[in-house]
Amino acid sequence: MEQLPIFVTLKDRKVILLGSGEMADAKKRLYQRAGALLTDDENADAALAVIAIEDDVEAAVAVKRMKQRGLLVNAVDRSALCDYTTPAIIDRAPVLIAIGTGGASAGLAKALRQRLEQLLPANLGQLARNLFGARKQIKDKWPDGADRRRAIDAALDPGGPLDPLTDTAAQRLDTWLAEPGTGAATGLVELTLHSPDADALTIKQARLLGQADAIFAANNLPPSLLVRARADAEIFPLDDFDSTRTMGLTLLIRYDGP
């Protein structure tokens, strides 16, 4: 990963935008959509600067000036000069999906966005708002944080009552909360992987990696596969497995590849 994707709140914050023409107009629309206050005053109190100047030399000089001020700079169509890049965006507010290529190909990011747009229901944002509004009910039903996370994971699984890729998930939240036994499965799951390619994971395997609380992995397991694990999952050598240490959803992963 060569860039850290982050979401920045820009509402009512100044962003310096230098340049004119089609490139500048496109950036202006994007940043205004996020609520930013755009200015061409180079001395403005801002954290970000966008350089949308057509001339290469003039643009490079402007980038240097802004970086000397300590600002993070986006230089349109000049990835080598950028401190950050703007992604292709899927907007299902408050759900945002950002697709970036580190400036390698805006066309590729756009093509991926168009494909994913077709998969995501228009009311996905309503599901997010409903989950936010039901936080107290969810917390009351699952007071333990780990149990709560597993229950939500199970509900959002493919085919689950809140499967986010279905059109009706946003309307099923109350029904899900009213049902008894809506918690997530816990226990021990053994996986044997046959390929070092993370893209060869089955949907179920990828889902388990993303949900496991603890993972005991074989020493020959390629690190690229463990990248798919939940960021806060505990990972141990498989040789250290002790059934008394089983917690929540625990995976034992072996690798029989080369």
Protein backbone atom coordinates (compact mmCIF):
# COMPACT_ATOMS: atom_id res chain seq x y z
CA MET A 1 0.00 0.00 0.00
CA GLU A 2 1.69 3.19 -1.20
CA GLN A 3 -1.00 5.59 0.03
CA LEU A 4 -3.19 5.73 3.12
CA PRO A 5 -6.82 6.30 2.10
CA ILE A 6 -8.49 8.73 4.51
CA PHE A 7 -11.74 10.70 4.57
CA VAL A 8 -11.26 14.38 5.38
CA THR A 9 -14.02 16.65 6.66
CA LEU A 10 -13.81 19.82 4.55
CA LYS A 11 -17.14 21.46 5.37
CA ASP A 12 -16.58 25.20 5.91
CA ARG A 13 -12.78 24.76 5.69
CA LYS A 14 -10.63 26.66 3.22
CA VAL A 15 -8.87 24.89 0.35
CA ILE A 16 -6.57 26.84 -1.96
CA LEU A 17 -7.32 26.25 -5.64
CA LEU A 18 -4.92 27.70 -8.20
CA GLY A 19 -5.64 27.55 -11.90
CA SER A 20 -8.48 28.02 -14.37
CA GLY A 21 -10.17 26.13 -17.14
CA GLU A 22 -11.69 22.68 -17.33
CA MET A 23 -9.33 21.03 -14.81
CA ALA A 24 -9.89 23.72 -12.21
CA ASP A 25 -13.66 23.73 -12.76
CA ALA A 26 -13.86 19.95 -12.21
CA LYS A 27 -11.91 20.20 -8.95
CA LYS A 28 -14.01 23.17 -7.87
CA ARG A 29 -17.22 21.16 -8.26
CA LEU A 30 -15.77 18.21 -6.33
CA TYR A 31 -14.50 20.19 -3.36
CA GLN A 32 -17.60 22.35 -3.15
CA ARG A 33 -19.67 19.17 -3.10
CA ALA A 34 -17.74 18.25 0.07
CA GLY A 35 -18.51 21.65 1.59
CA ALA A 36 -15.07 23.21 1.19
CA LEU A 37 -14.54 26.96 0.89
CA LEU A 38 -12.32 27.49 -2.15
CA THR A 39 -9.97 30.43 -2.46
CA ASP A 40 -7.14 31.54 -4.73
CA ASP A 41 -5.49 33.45 -1.89
CA GLU A 42 -2.15 31.69 -1.44
CA ASN A 43 -1.84 33.08 2.10
CA ALA A 44 -5.20 31.73 3.25
CA ASP A 45 -5.37 29.61 6.39
CA ALA A 46 -5.74 26.24 4.68
CA ALA A 47 -4.48 22.70 5.07
CA LEU A 48 -4.84 21.61 1.43
CA ALA A 49 -3.98 23.12 -1.92
CA VAL A 50 -5.08 22.07 -5.40
CA ILE A 51 -2.91 23.07 -8.37
CA ALA A 52 -4.89 22.95 -11.61
CA ILE A 53 -2.55 25.00 -13.80
CA GLU A 54 -2.10 23.90 -17.41
CA ASP A 55 1.54 25.00 -17.90
CA ASP A 56 3.95 22.41 -16.48
CA VAL A 57 6.61 24.85 -15.31
CA GLU A 58 4.12 27.23 -13.74
CA ALA A 59 2.36 24.33 -12.03
CA ALA A 60 5.61 22.94 -10.58
CA VAL A 61 6.54 26.36 -9.20
CA ALA A 62 3.10 26.73 -7.61
CA VAL A 63 3.36 23.28 -6.06
CA LYS A 64 6.71 24.19 -4.55
CA ARG A 65 5.29 27.38 -3.04
CA MET A 66 2.40 25.54 -1.43
CA LYS A 67 4.61 22.75 -0.06
CA GLN A 68 6.95 25.31 1.44
CA ARG A 69 3.96 26.54 3.43
CA GLY A 70 3.48 23.00 4.77
CA LEU A 71 0.28 22.34 2.84
CA LEU A 72 -0.65 18.98 1.37
CA VAL A 73 -0.88 19.44 -2.39
CA ASN A 74 -2.85 17.81 -5.17
CA ALA A 75 -1.38 18.64 -8.58
CA VAL A 76 -3.96 17.72 -11.20
CA ASP A 77 -2.68 15.13 -13.70
CA ARG A 78 0.82 15.28 -12.19
CA SER A 79 0.96 12.37 -9.76
CA ALA A 80 4.70 12.75 -9.13
CA LEU A 81 4.07 16.17 -7.57
CA CYS A 82 1.09 15.08 -5.45
CA ASP A 83 1.01 14.64 -1.70
CA TYR A 84 -2.48 13.20 -2.12
CA THR A 85 -4.73 12.21 -4.98
CA THR A 86 -8.51 12.41 -5.30
CA PRO A 87 -10.23 9.09 -5.94
CA ALA A 88 -13.18 8.05 -8.03
CA ILE A 89 -16.14 8.24 -5.64
CA ILE A 90 -19.30 6.20 -5.16
CA ASP A 91 -21.67 8.32 -3.09
CA ARG A 92 -24.39 6.63 -1.07
CA ALA A 93 -24.21 9.20 1.72
CA PRO A 94 -23.22 8.66 4.42
CA VAL A 95 -21.57 5.65 2.74
CA LEU A 96 -18.67 6.71 0.53
CA ILE A 97 -16.51 4.33 -1.47
CA ALA A 98 -13.26 5.76 -2.80
CA ILE A 99 -11.28 4.06 -5.57
CA GLY A 100 -7.74 5.20 -6.18
CA THR A 101 -4.79 4.09 -8.24
CA GLY A 102 -2.17 6.40 -6.74
CA GLY A 103 -2.41 8.56 -9.83
CA ALA A 104 -1.51 5.64 -12.12
CA SER A 105 -4.76 5.66 -14.09
CA ALA A 106 -7.80 7.81 -13.47
CA GLY A 107 -9.52 5.90 -16.27
CA LEU A 108 -9.13 2.60 -14.42
CA ALA A 109 -10.52 4.09 -11.22
CA LYS A 110 -13.47 5.45 -13.20
CA ALA A 111 -14.16 2.07 -14.84
CA LEU A 112 -14.13 0.31 -11.47
CA ARG A 113 -16.46 2.92 -10.02
CA GLN A 114 -18.93 2.41 -12.86
CA ARG A 115 -18.91 -1.36 -12.31
CA LEU A 116 -19.39 -1.07 -8.55
CA GLU A 117 -22.16 1.52 -8.97
CA GLN A 118 -24.25 -1.21 -10.60
CA LEU A 119 -23.84 -3.50 -7.58
CA LEU A 120 -24.72 -1.09 -4.78
CA PRO A 121 -28.38 -0.37 -3.99
CA ALA A 122 -29.51 3.25 -4.08
CA ASN A 123 -30.73 3.01 -0.46
CA LEU A 124 -27.43 1.77 0.97
CA GLY A 125 -27.03 5.09 2.78
CA GLN A 126 -30.40 4.56 4.49
CA LEU A 127 -29.13 1.26 5.91
CA ALA A 128 -26.16 3.11 7.38
CA ARG A 129 -28.41 5.78 8.88
CA ASN A 130 -30.72 3.13 10.34
CA LEU A 131 -27.79 1.31 11.94
CA PHE A 132 -26.58 4.59 13.40
CA GLY A 133 -30.03 5.34 14.80
CA ALA A 134 -30.28 1.87 16.34
CA ARG A 135 -26.90 1.95 18.11
CA LYS A 136 -28.45 2.03 21.59
CA GLN A 137 -30.79 -0.89 20.81
CA ILE A 138 -27.90 -2.88 19.37
CA LYS A 139 -25.71 -2.11 22.37
CA ASP A 140 -28.50 -3.08 24.78
CA LYS A 141 -28.97 -6.41 23.00
CA TRP A 142 -25.25 -7.19 22.83
CA PRO A 143 -23.56 -5.35 25.73
CA ASP A 144 -20.22 -7.04 25.05
CA GLY A 145 -18.36 -5.27 22.25
CA ALA A 146 -16.98 -8.44 20.65
CA ASP A 147 -20.40 -10.12 20.67
CA ARG A 148 -21.90 -6.97 19.16
CA ARG A 149 -19.36 -6.85 16.35
CA ARG A 150 -19.87 -10.52 15.50
CA ALA A 151 -23.65 -10.13 15.50
CA ILE A 152 -23.46 -7.18 13.11
CA ASP A 153 -20.96 -9.05 10.90
CA ALA A 154 -23.33 -12.02 10.68
CA ALA A 155 -26.30 -9.80 9.84
CA LEU A 156 -24.35 -8.08 7.04
CA ASP A 157 -23.05 -11.34 5.57
CA PRO A 158 -24.18 -12.33 2.06
CA GLY A 159 -27.68 -13.72 2.51
CA GLY A 160 -27.90 -12.28 6.02
CA PRO A 161 -30.90 -10.24 7.18
CA LEU A 162 -29.02 -6.97 6.57
CA ASP A 163 -27.08 -8.00 3.46
CA PRO A 164 -26.07 -4.54 2.16
CA LEU A 165 -26.26 -5.61 -1.48
CA THR A 166 -30.01 -6.22 -1.27
CA ASP A 167 -32.61 -3.52 -1.86
CA THR A 168 -34.59 -4.34 1.30
CA ALA A 169 -31.86 -4.44 3.97
CA ALA A 170 -32.64 -0.92 5.21
CA GLN A 171 -36.23 -1.96 5.97
CA ARG A 172 -35.29 -5.15 7.87
CA LEU A 173 -33.36 -3.67 10.80
CA ASP A 174 -36.25 -3.71 13.29
CA THR A 175 -37.13 -7.27 12.34
CA TRP A 176 -33.53 -8.36 12.84
CA LEU A 177 -33.35 -6.76 16.27
CA ALA A 178 -36.63 -8.38 17.32
CA GLU A 179 -35.55 -11.89 16.34
CA PRO A 180 -34.09 -14.13 19.04
CA GLY A 181 -30.79 -15.83 18.35
CA THR A 182 -29.48 -13.23 15.93
CA GLY A 183 -25.92 -13.40 17.21
CA ALA A 184 -22.96 -14.52 15.16
CA ALA A 185 -21.45 -17.97 15.15
CA THR A 186 -18.35 -18.37 17.28
CA GLY A 187 -15.90 -21.18 17.74
CA LEU A 188 -13.09 -22.80 15.80
CA VAL A 189 -12.83 -23.02 12.01
CA GLU A 190 -10.05 -24.81 10.13
CA LEU A 191 -9.04 -23.63 6.67
CA THR A 192 -6.59 -25.17 4.23
CA LEU A 193 -5.51 -22.77 1.48
CA HIS A 194 -4.15 -24.02 -1.81
CA SER A 195 -2.88 -20.86 -3.49
CA PRO A 196 -0.62 -17.96 -2.47
CA ASP A 197 -2.86 -15.63 -4.47
CA ALA A 198 -5.22 -13.68 -2.20
CA ASP A 199 -7.60 -13.30 -5.15
CA ALA A 200 -8.02 -17.08 -5.15
CA LEU A 201 -9.74 -17.00 -1.77
CA THR A 202 -13.35 -18.13 -1.88
CA ILE A 203 -15.98 -15.65 -0.78
CA LYS A 204 -16.47 -17.65 2.41
CA GLN A 205 -12.73 -17.77 3.18
CA ALA A 206 -12.35 -14.02 2.63
CA ARG A 207 -15.36 -13.39 4.86
CA LEU A 208 -13.97 -15.56 7.65
CA LEU A 209 -10.61 -13.80 7.45
CA GLY A 210 -12.38 -10.48 7.74
CA GLN A 211 -14.38 -11.58 10.79
CA ALA A 212 -11.98 -13.73 12.84
CA ASP A 213 -10.97 -12.54 16.29
CA ALA A 214 -7.87 -14.77 16.37
CA ILE A 215 -5.91 -16.48 13.61
CA PHE A 216 -3.36 -19.24 14.04
CA ALA A 217 -1.45 -19.36 10.76
CA ALA A 218 1.06 -21.84 9.36
CA ASN A 219 4.61 -20.52 9.06
CA ASN A 220 4.57 -21.05 5.28
CA LEU A 221 1.42 -18.99 4.77
CA PRO A 222 2.19 -16.11 2.37
CA PRO A 223 1.87 -12.73 4.16
CA SER A 224 -0.28 -11.44 1.28
CA LEU A 225 -3.09 -13.71 2.44
CA LEU A 226 -3.07 -12.40 6.00
CA VAL A 227 -3.53 -8.87 4.69
CA ARG A 228 -7.17 -9.88 4.18
CA ALA A 229 -7.57 -10.43 7.93
CA ARG A 230 -9.39 -7.97 10.16
CA ALA A 231 -6.98 -5.19 11.09
CA ASP A 232 -7.33 -5.77 14.82
CA ALA A 233 -7.36 -9.57 14.71
CA GLU A 234 -4.73 -11.32 16.82
CA ILE A 235 -2.41 -13.47 14.71
CA PHE A 236 -0.31 -16.30 16.14
CA PRO A 237 1.87 -19.10 14.74
CA LEU A 238 -0.13 -22.25 14.15
CA ASP A 239 2.28 -24.18 16.38
CA ASP A 240 1.15 -22.04 19.32
CA PHE A 241 -2.47 -23.13 19.07
CA ASP A 242 -4.00 -24.14 22.36
CA SER A 243 -7.72 -24.87 22.48
CA THR A 244 -7.93 -23.04 25.79
CA ARG A 245 -7.01 -19.84 23.93
CA THR A 246 -9.93 -20.07 21.52
CA MET A 247 -11.74 -16.73 21.48
CA GLY A 248 -14.80 -15.63 19.56
CA LEU A 249 -14.29 -16.81 16.00
CA THR A 250 -10.88 -18.47 15.73
CA LEU A 251 -9.27 -19.67 12.48
CA LEU A 252 -6.63 -22.34 12.08
CA ILE A 253 -5.05 -21.79 8.66
CA ARG A 254 -2.80 -24.26 6.89
CA TYR A 255 -1.18 -23.80 3.51
CA ASP A 256 -0.41 -26.74 1.26
CA GLY A 257 1.04 -24.75 -1.63
CA PRO A 258 4.67 -24.43 -2.70
